[in-house]
Amino acid sequence: MENYIVRVYRRDECQPESITGLVEAVESGEVKPFSTLTELATLLTGTSAIAARTAIDKLCFASASTRVG
C-alpha cells in the first residue's frame, strides 16, 4: 500500500477544480505540487489526466447527489 501526505493550501469554493497544495509520498519522501483536482488525482493514482478527470467527475457527482438541500 502507498501512503501519502496531502497538504491543501488554497481552494476556491466557486471553482472546485481550483485547489493548490503538495503531495508527499511517505516511503520515498518525494514531494510534488498540484494546482487542480485533476493533478491531485493523477499524483495519487498514477493514472493519466483523462482517467483522473473521469474519476473526479464520478466522485463529484456522487457527492452532489448525497447532499441534503
PDB file of N, CA and C in Angstrom:
ATOM      1  N   MET A   1       0.835  -1.166   0.000  1.00  0.00           N
ATOM      2  CA  MET A   1       0.000   0.000   0.000  1.00  0.00           C
ATOM      3  C   MET A   1       0.887   1.238   0.000  1.00  0.00           C
ATOM      4  N   GLU A   2       0.503   2.238  -0.774  1.00  0.00           N
ATOM      5  CA  GLU A   2       1.224   3.503  -0.824  1.00  0.00           C
ATOM      6  C   GLU A   2       0.601   4.473   0.168  1.00  0.00           C
ATOM      7  N   ASN A   3       1.432   5.278   0.803  1.00  0.00           N
ATOM      8  CA  ASN A   3       0.952   6.260   1.772  1.00  0.00           C
ATOM      9  C   ASN A   3       1.368   7.652   1.323  1.00  0.00           C
ATOM     10  N   TYR A   4       0.441   8.599   1.457  1.00  0.00           N
ATOM     11  CA  TYR A   4       0.684   9.969   1.041  1.00  0.00           C
ATOM     12  C   TYR A   4       0.261  10.935   2.139  1.00  0.00           C
ATOM     13  N   ILE A   5       0.946  12.061   2.174  1.00  0.00           N
ATOM     14  CA  ILE A   5       0.507  13.196   2.973  1.00  0.00           C
ATOM     15  C   ILE A   5       0.090  14.258   1.967  1.00  0.00           C
ATOM     16  N   VAL A   6      -1.147  14.726   2.072  1.00  0.00           N
ATOM     17  CA  VAL A   6      -1.660  15.735   1.148  1.00  0.00           C
ATOM     18  C   VAL A   6      -1.865  17.025   1.938  1.00  0.00           C
ATOM     19  N   ARG A   7      -1.209  18.080   1.496  1.00  0.00           N
ATOM     20  CA  ARG A   7      -1.357  19.388   2.124  1.00  0.00           C
ATOM     21  C   ARG A   7      -2.105  20.299   1.155  1.00  0.00           C
ATOM     22  N   VAL A   8      -3.249  20.802   1.587  1.00  0.00           N
ATOM     23  CA  VAL A   8      -4.032  21.721   0.769  1.00  0.00           C
ATOM     24  C   VAL A   8      -3.847  23.122   1.344  1.00  0.00           C
ATOM     25  N   TYR A   9      -3.373  24.030   0.510  1.00  0.00           N
ATOM     26  CA  TYR A   9      -3.113  25.394   0.965  1.00  0.00           C
ATOM     27  C   TYR A   9      -4.218  26.360   0.571  1.00  0.00           C
ATOM     28  N   ARG A  10      -4.823  26.134  -0.576  1.00  0.00           N
ATOM     29  CA  ARG A  10      -5.891  27.018  -1.034  1.00  0.00           C
ATOM     30  C   ARG A  10      -6.895  26.219  -1.843  1.00  0.00           C
ATOM     31  N   ARG A  11      -8.142  26.590  -1.692  1.00  0.00           N
ATOM     32  CA  ARG A  11      -9.184  26.053  -2.571  1.00  0.00           C
ATOM     33  C   ARG A  11     -10.223  27.138  -2.772  1.00  0.00           C
ATOM     34  N   ASP A  12     -10.896  27.100  -3.897  1.00  0.00           N
ATOM     35  CA  ASP A  12     -11.889  28.105  -4.252  1.00  0.00           C
ATOM     36  C   ASP A  12     -13.245  27.426  -4.329  1.00  0.00           C
ATOM     37  N   GLU A  13     -14.153  27.790  -3.422  1.00  0.00           N
ATOM     38  CA  GLU A  13     -15.476  27.154  -3.399  1.00  0.00           C
ATOM     39  C   GLU A  13     -16.267  27.417  -4.673  1.00  0.00           C
ATOM     40  N   CYS A  14     -16.014  28.550  -5.325  1.00  0.00           N
ATOM     41  CA  CYS A  14     -16.735  28.871  -6.559  1.00  0.00           C
ATOM     42  C   CYS A  14     -16.183  28.132  -7.767  1.00  0.00           C
ATOM     43  N   GLN A  15     -14.922  27.707  -7.684  1.00  0.00           N
ATOM     44  CA  GLN A  15     -14.287  26.945  -8.760  1.00  0.00           C
ATOM     45  C   GLN A  15     -13.679  25.693  -8.140  1.00  0.00           C
ATOM     46  N   PRO A  16     -14.467  24.625  -7.981  1.00  0.00           N
ATOM     47  CA  PRO A  16     -13.997  23.423  -7.285  1.00  0.00           C
ATOM     48  C   PRO A  16     -12.733  22.807  -7.866  1.00  0.00           C
ATOM     49  N   GLU A  17     -12.459  23.011  -9.130  1.00  0.00           N
ATOM     50  CA  GLU A  17     -11.258  22.444  -9.748  1.00  0.00           C
ATOM     51  C   GLU A  17     -10.002  23.164  -9.266  1.00  0.00           C
ATOM     52  N   SER A  18     -10.155  24.387  -8.763  1.00  0.00           N
ATOM     53  CA  SER A  18      -9.018  25.195  -8.345  1.00  0.00           C
ATOM     54  C   SER A  18      -8.639  24.876  -6.896  1.00  0.00           C
ATOM     55  N   ILE A  19      -7.549  24.138  -6.736  1.00  0.00           N
ATOM     56  CA  ILE A  19      -7.063  23.734  -5.419  1.00  0.00           C
ATOM     57  C   ILE A  19      -5.542  23.642  -5.498  1.00  0.00           C
ATOM     58  N   THR A  20      -4.854  24.166  -4.499  1.00  0.00           N
ATOM     59  CA  THR A  20      -3.397  24.230  -4.537  1.00  0.00           C
ATOM     60  C   THR A  20      -2.810  23.542  -3.313  1.00  0.00           C
ATOM     61  N   GLY A  21      -1.768  22.750  -3.534  1.00  0.00           N
ATOM     62  CA  GLY A  21      -1.131  22.094  -2.408  1.00  0.00           C
ATOM     63  C   GLY A  21       0.040  21.225  -2.825  1.00  0.00           C
ATOM     64  N   LEU A  22       0.416  20.325  -1.918  1.00  0.00           N
ATOM     65  CA  LEU A  22       1.534  19.411  -2.130  1.00  0.00           C
ATOM     66  C   LEU A  22       1.131  17.991  -1.766  1.00  0.00           C
ATOM     67  N   VAL A  23       1.696  17.026  -2.487  1.00  0.00           N
ATOM     68  CA  VAL A  23       1.536  15.613  -2.163  1.00  0.00           C
ATOM     69  C   VAL A  23       2.917  15.065  -1.849  1.00  0.00           C
ATOM     70  N   GLU A  24       3.044  14.425  -0.681  1.00  0.00           N
ATOM     71  CA  GLU A  24       4.312  13.818  -0.291  1.00  0.00           C
ATOM     72  C   GLU A  24       4.139  12.308  -0.227  1.00  0.00           C
ATOM     73  N   ALA A  25       4.951  11.583  -0.969  1.00  0.00           N
ATOM     74  CA  ALA A  25       4.968  10.123  -0.899  1.00  0.00           C
ATOM     75  C   ALA A  25       5.773   9.754   0.343  1.00  0.00           C
ATOM     76  N   VAL A  26       5.134   9.114   1.316  1.00  0.00           N
ATOM     77  CA  VAL A  26       5.759   8.845   2.604  1.00  0.00           C
ATOM     78  C   VAL A  26       7.000   7.971   2.461  1.00  0.00           C
ATOM     79  N   GLU A  27       6.911   6.906   1.674  1.00  0.00           N
ATOM     80  CA  GLU A  27       8.022   5.966   1.554  1.00  0.00           C
ATOM     81  C   GLU A  27       9.266   6.586   0.930  1.00  0.00           C
ATOM     82  N   SER A  28       9.077   7.380  -0.130  1.00  0.00           N
ATOM     83  CA  SER A  28      10.225   7.941  -0.849  1.00  0.00           C
ATOM     84  C   SER A  28      10.580   9.351  -0.393  1.00  0.00           C
ATOM     85  N   GLY A  29       9.635  10.035   0.227  1.00  0.00           N
ATOM     86  CA  GLY A  29       9.869  11.414   0.633  1.00  0.00           C
ATOM     87  C   GLY A  29       9.710  12.413  -0.495  1.00  0.00           C
ATOM     88  N   GLU A  30       9.361  11.922  -1.686  1.00  0.00           N
ATOM     89  CA  GLU A  30       9.197  12.786  -2.849  1.00  0.00           C
ATOM     90  C   GLU A  30       7.984  13.694  -2.649  1.00  0.00           C
ATOM     91  N   VAL A  31       8.138  14.986  -2.945  1.00  0.00           N
ATOM     92  CA  VAL A  31       7.069  15.972  -2.795  1.00  0.00           C
ATOM     93  C   VAL A  31       6.781  16.576  -4.159  1.00  0.00           C
ATOM     94  N   LYS A  32       5.490  16.602  -4.530  1.00  0.00           N
ATOM     95  CA  LYS A  32       5.100  17.177  -5.819  1.00  0.00           C
ATOM     96  C   LYS A  32       3.947  18.147  -5.596  1.00  0.00           C
ATOM     97  N   PRO A  33       3.973  19.282  -6.301  1.00  0.00           N
ATOM     98  CA  PRO A  33       2.889  20.257  -6.179  1.00  0.00           C
ATOM     99  C   PRO A  33       1.724  19.902  -7.098  1.00  0.00           C
ATOM    100  N   PHE A  34       0.542  20.420  -6.752  1.00  0.00           N
ATOM    101  CA  PHE A  34      -0.619  20.309  -7.634  1.00  0.00           C
ATOM    102  C   PHE A  34      -1.389  21.621  -7.568  1.00  0.00           C
ATOM    103  N   SER A  35      -2.121  21.932  -8.641  1.00  0.00           N
ATOM    104  CA  SER A  35      -2.904  23.163  -8.666  1.00  0.00           C
ATOM    105  C   SER A  35      -4.322  22.946  -9.178  1.00  0.00           C
ATOM    106  N   THR A  36      -4.675  21.684  -9.428  1.00  0.00           N
ATOM    107  CA  THR A  36      -6.046  21.339  -9.814  1.00  0.00           C
ATOM    108  C   THR A  36      -6.398  19.977  -9.214  1.00  0.00           C
ATOM    109  N   LEU A  37      -7.681  19.684  -9.140  1.00  0.00           N
ATOM    110  CA  LEU A  37      -8.100  18.365  -8.675  1.00  0.00           C
ATOM    111  C   LEU A  37      -7.605  17.266  -9.596  1.00  0.00           C
ATOM    112  N   THR A  38      -7.551  17.557 -10.879  1.00  0.00           N
ATOM    113  CA  THR A  38      -7.067  16.567 -11.834  1.00  0.00           C
ATOM    114  C   THR A  38      -5.605  16.220 -11.560  1.00  0.00           C
ATOM    115  N   GLU A  39      -4.790  17.237 -11.305  1.00  0.00           N
ATOM    116  CA  GLU A  39      -3.387  16.974 -10.993  1.00  0.00           C
ATOM    117  C   GLU A  39      -3.253  16.175  -9.699  1.00  0.00           C
ATOM    118  N   LEU A  40      -4.050  16.512  -8.687  1.00  0.00           N
ATOM    119  CA  LEU A  40      -4.016  15.773  -7.419  1.00  0.00           C
ATOM    120  C   LEU A  40      -4.377  14.313  -7.645  1.00  0.00           C
ATOM    121  N   ALA A  41      -5.459  14.078  -8.368  1.00  0.00           N
ATOM    122  CA  ALA A  41      -5.880  12.697  -8.637  1.00  0.00           C
ATOM    123  C   ALA A  41      -4.823  11.940  -9.432  1.00  0.00           C
ATOM    124  N   THR A  42      -4.188  12.611 -10.380  1.00  0.00           N
ATOM    125  CA  THR A  42      -3.138  11.980 -11.180  1.00  0.00           C
ATOM    126  C   THR A  42      -1.952  11.593 -10.312  1.00  0.00           C
ATOM    127  N   LEU A  43      -1.556  12.476  -9.394  1.00  0.00           N
ATOM    128  CA  LEU A  43      -0.440  12.172  -8.496  1.00  0.00           C
ATOM    129  C   LEU A  43      -0.764  11.007  -7.567  1.00  0.00           C
ATOM    130  N   LEU A  44      -1.997  10.947  -7.079  1.00  0.00           N
ATOM    131  CA  LEU A  44      -2.371   9.897  -6.132  1.00  0.00           C
ATOM    132  C   LEU A  44      -2.598   8.549  -6.793  1.00  0.00           C
ATOM    133  N   THR A  45      -3.098   8.555  -8.010  1.00  0.00           N
ATOM    134  CA  THR A  45      -3.442   7.298  -8.669  1.00  0.00           C
ATOM    135  C   THR A  45      -2.413   6.843  -9.686  1.00  0.00           C
ATOM    136  N   GLY A  46      -1.557   7.763 -10.126  1.00  0.00           N
ATOM    137  CA  GLY A  46      -0.569   7.415 -11.140  1.00  0.00           C
ATOM    138  C   GLY A  46      -1.197   7.158 -12.493  1.00  0.00           C
ATOM    139  N   THR A  47      -2.427   7.640 -12.686  1.00  0.00           N
ATOM    140  CA  THR A  47      -3.127   7.443 -13.958  1.00  0.00           C
ATOM    141  C   THR A  47      -2.945   8.657 -14.852  1.00  0.00           C
ATOM    142  N   SER A  48      -3.472   8.548 -16.044  1.00  0.00           N
ATOM    143  CA  SER A  48      -3.423   9.673 -16.968  1.00  0.00           C
ATOM    144  C   SER A  48      -4.374  10.770 -16.489  1.00  0.00           C
ATOM    145  N   ALA A  49      -4.184  11.974 -16.992  1.00  0.00           N
ATOM    146  CA  ALA A  49      -5.045  13.093 -16.621  1.00  0.00           C
ATOM    147  C   ALA A  49      -6.494  12.830 -17.023  1.00  0.00           C
ATOM    148  N   ILE A  50      -6.702  12.149 -18.145  1.00  0.00           N
ATOM    149  CA  ILE A  50      -8.069  11.859 -18.604  1.00  0.00           C
ATOM    150  C   ILE A  50      -8.757  10.898 -17.632  1.00  0.00           C
ATOM    151  N   ALA A  51      -8.077   9.839 -17.236  1.00  0.00           N
ATOM    152  CA  ALA A  51      -8.649   8.891 -16.282  1.00  0.00           C
ATOM    153  C   ALA A  51      -8.891   9.566 -14.940  1.00  0.00           C
ATOM    154  N   ALA A  52      -7.980  10.435 -14.527  1.00  0.00           N
ATOM    155  CA  ALA A  52      -8.148  11.147 -13.260  1.00  0.00           C
ATOM    156  C   ALA A  52      -9.348  12.075 -13.324  1.00  0.00           C
ATOM    157  N   ARG A  53      -9.534  12.756 -14.448  1.00  0.00           N
ATOM    158  CA  ARG A  53     -10.678  13.668 -14.598  1.00  0.00           C
ATOM    159  C   ARG A  53     -11.984  12.879 -14.528  1.00  0.00           C
ATOM    160  N   THR A  54     -12.030  11.711 -15.136  1.00  0.00           N
ATOM    161  CA  THR A  54     -13.221  10.862 -15.085  1.00  0.00           C
ATOM    162  C   THR A  54     -13.519  10.437 -13.652  1.00  0.00           C
ATOM    163  N   ALA A  55     -12.479  10.073 -12.905  1.00  0.00           N
ATOM    164  CA  ALA A  55     -12.656   9.678 -11.507  1.00  0.00           C
ATOM    165  C   ALA A  55     -13.175  10.837 -10.676  1.00  0.00           C
ATOM    166  N   ILE A  56     -12.658  12.031 -10.912  1.00  0.00           N
ATOM    167  CA  ILE A  56     -13.120  13.211 -10.179  1.00  0.00           C
ATOM    168  C   ILE A  56     -14.572  13.511 -10.516  1.00  0.00           C
ATOM    169  N   ASP A  57     -14.935  13.425 -11.798  1.00  0.00           N
ATOM    170  CA  ASP A  57     -16.325  13.665 -12.197  1.00  0.00           C
ATOM    171  C   ASP A  57     -17.269  12.712 -11.485  1.00  0.00           C
ATOM    172  N   LYS A  58     -16.903  11.443 -11.400  1.00  0.00           N
ATOM    173  CA  LYS A  58     -17.740  10.460 -10.716  1.00  0.00           C
ATOM    174  C   LYS A  58     -17.845  10.776  -9.235  1.00  0.00           C
ATOM    175  N   LEU A  59     -16.737  11.155  -8.611  1.00  0.00           N
ATOM    176  CA  LEU A  59     -16.728  11.492  -7.200  1.00  0.00           C
ATOM    177  C   LEU A  59     -17.585  12.721  -6.928  1.00  0.00           C
ATOM    178  N   CYS A  60     -17.456  13.754  -7.742  1.00  0.00           N
ATOM    179  CA  CYS A  60     -18.234  14.987  -7.559  1.00  0.00           C
ATOM    180  C   CYS A  60     -19.714  14.714  -7.755  1.00  0.00           C
ATOM    181  N   PHE A  61     -20.052  13.873  -8.735  1.00  0.00           N
ATOM    182  CA  PHE A  61     -21.464  13.554  -8.977  1.00  0.00           C
ATOM    183  C   PHE A  61     -22.036  12.800  -7.790  1.00  0.00           C
ATOM    184  N   ALA A  62     -21.294  11.835  -7.267  1.00  0.00           N
ATOM    185  CA  ALA A  62     -21.760  11.061  -6.117  1.00  0.00           C
ATOM    186  C   ALA A  62     -21.917  11.965  -4.912  1.00  0.00           C
ATOM    187  N   SER A  63     -20.989  12.871  -4.691  1.00  0.00           N
ATOM    188  CA  SER A  63     -21.041  13.794  -3.569  1.00  0.00           C
ATOM    189  C   SER A  63     -22.242  14.724  -3.684  1.00  0.00           C
ATOM    190  N   ALA A  64     -22.481  15.254  -4.872  1.00  0.00           N
ATOM    191  CA  ALA A  64     -23.598  16.174  -5.081  1.00  0.00           C
ATOM    192  C   ALA A  64     -24.940  15.485  -4.909  1.00  0.00           C
ATOM    193  N   SER A  65     -25.023  14.229  -5.285  1.00  0.00           N
ATOM    194  CA  SER A  65     -26.303  13.522  -5.207  1.00  0.00           C
ATOM    195  C   SER A  65     -26.637  13.096  -3.769  1.00  0.00           C
ATOM    196  N   THR A  66     -25.665  13.145  -2.853  1.00  0.00           N
ATOM    197  CA  THR A  66     -25.948  12.766  -1.463  1.00  0.00           C
ATOM    198  C   THR A  66     -26.187  13.965  -0.554  1.00  0.00           C
ATOM    199  N   ARG A  67     -26.036  15.177  -1.083  1.00  0.00           N
ATOM    200  CA  ARG A  67     -26.262  16.373  -0.278  1.00  0.00           C
ATOM    201  C   ARG A  67     -27.749  16.559  -0.012  1.00  0.00           C
ATOM    202  N   VAL A  68     -28.040  17.021   1.181  1.00  0.00           N
ATOM    203  CA  VAL A  68     -29.425  17.317   1.554  1.00  0.00           C
ATOM    204  C   VAL A  68     -29.633  18.801   1.413  1.00  0.00           C
ATOM    205  N   GLY A  69     -30.670  19.186   0.640  1.00  0.00           N
ATOM    206  CA  GLY A  69     -30.892  20.511   0.210  1.00  0.00           C
ATOM    207  C   GLY A  69     -31.268  21.551   1.077  1.00  0.00           C
TER     208      GLY A  69
END
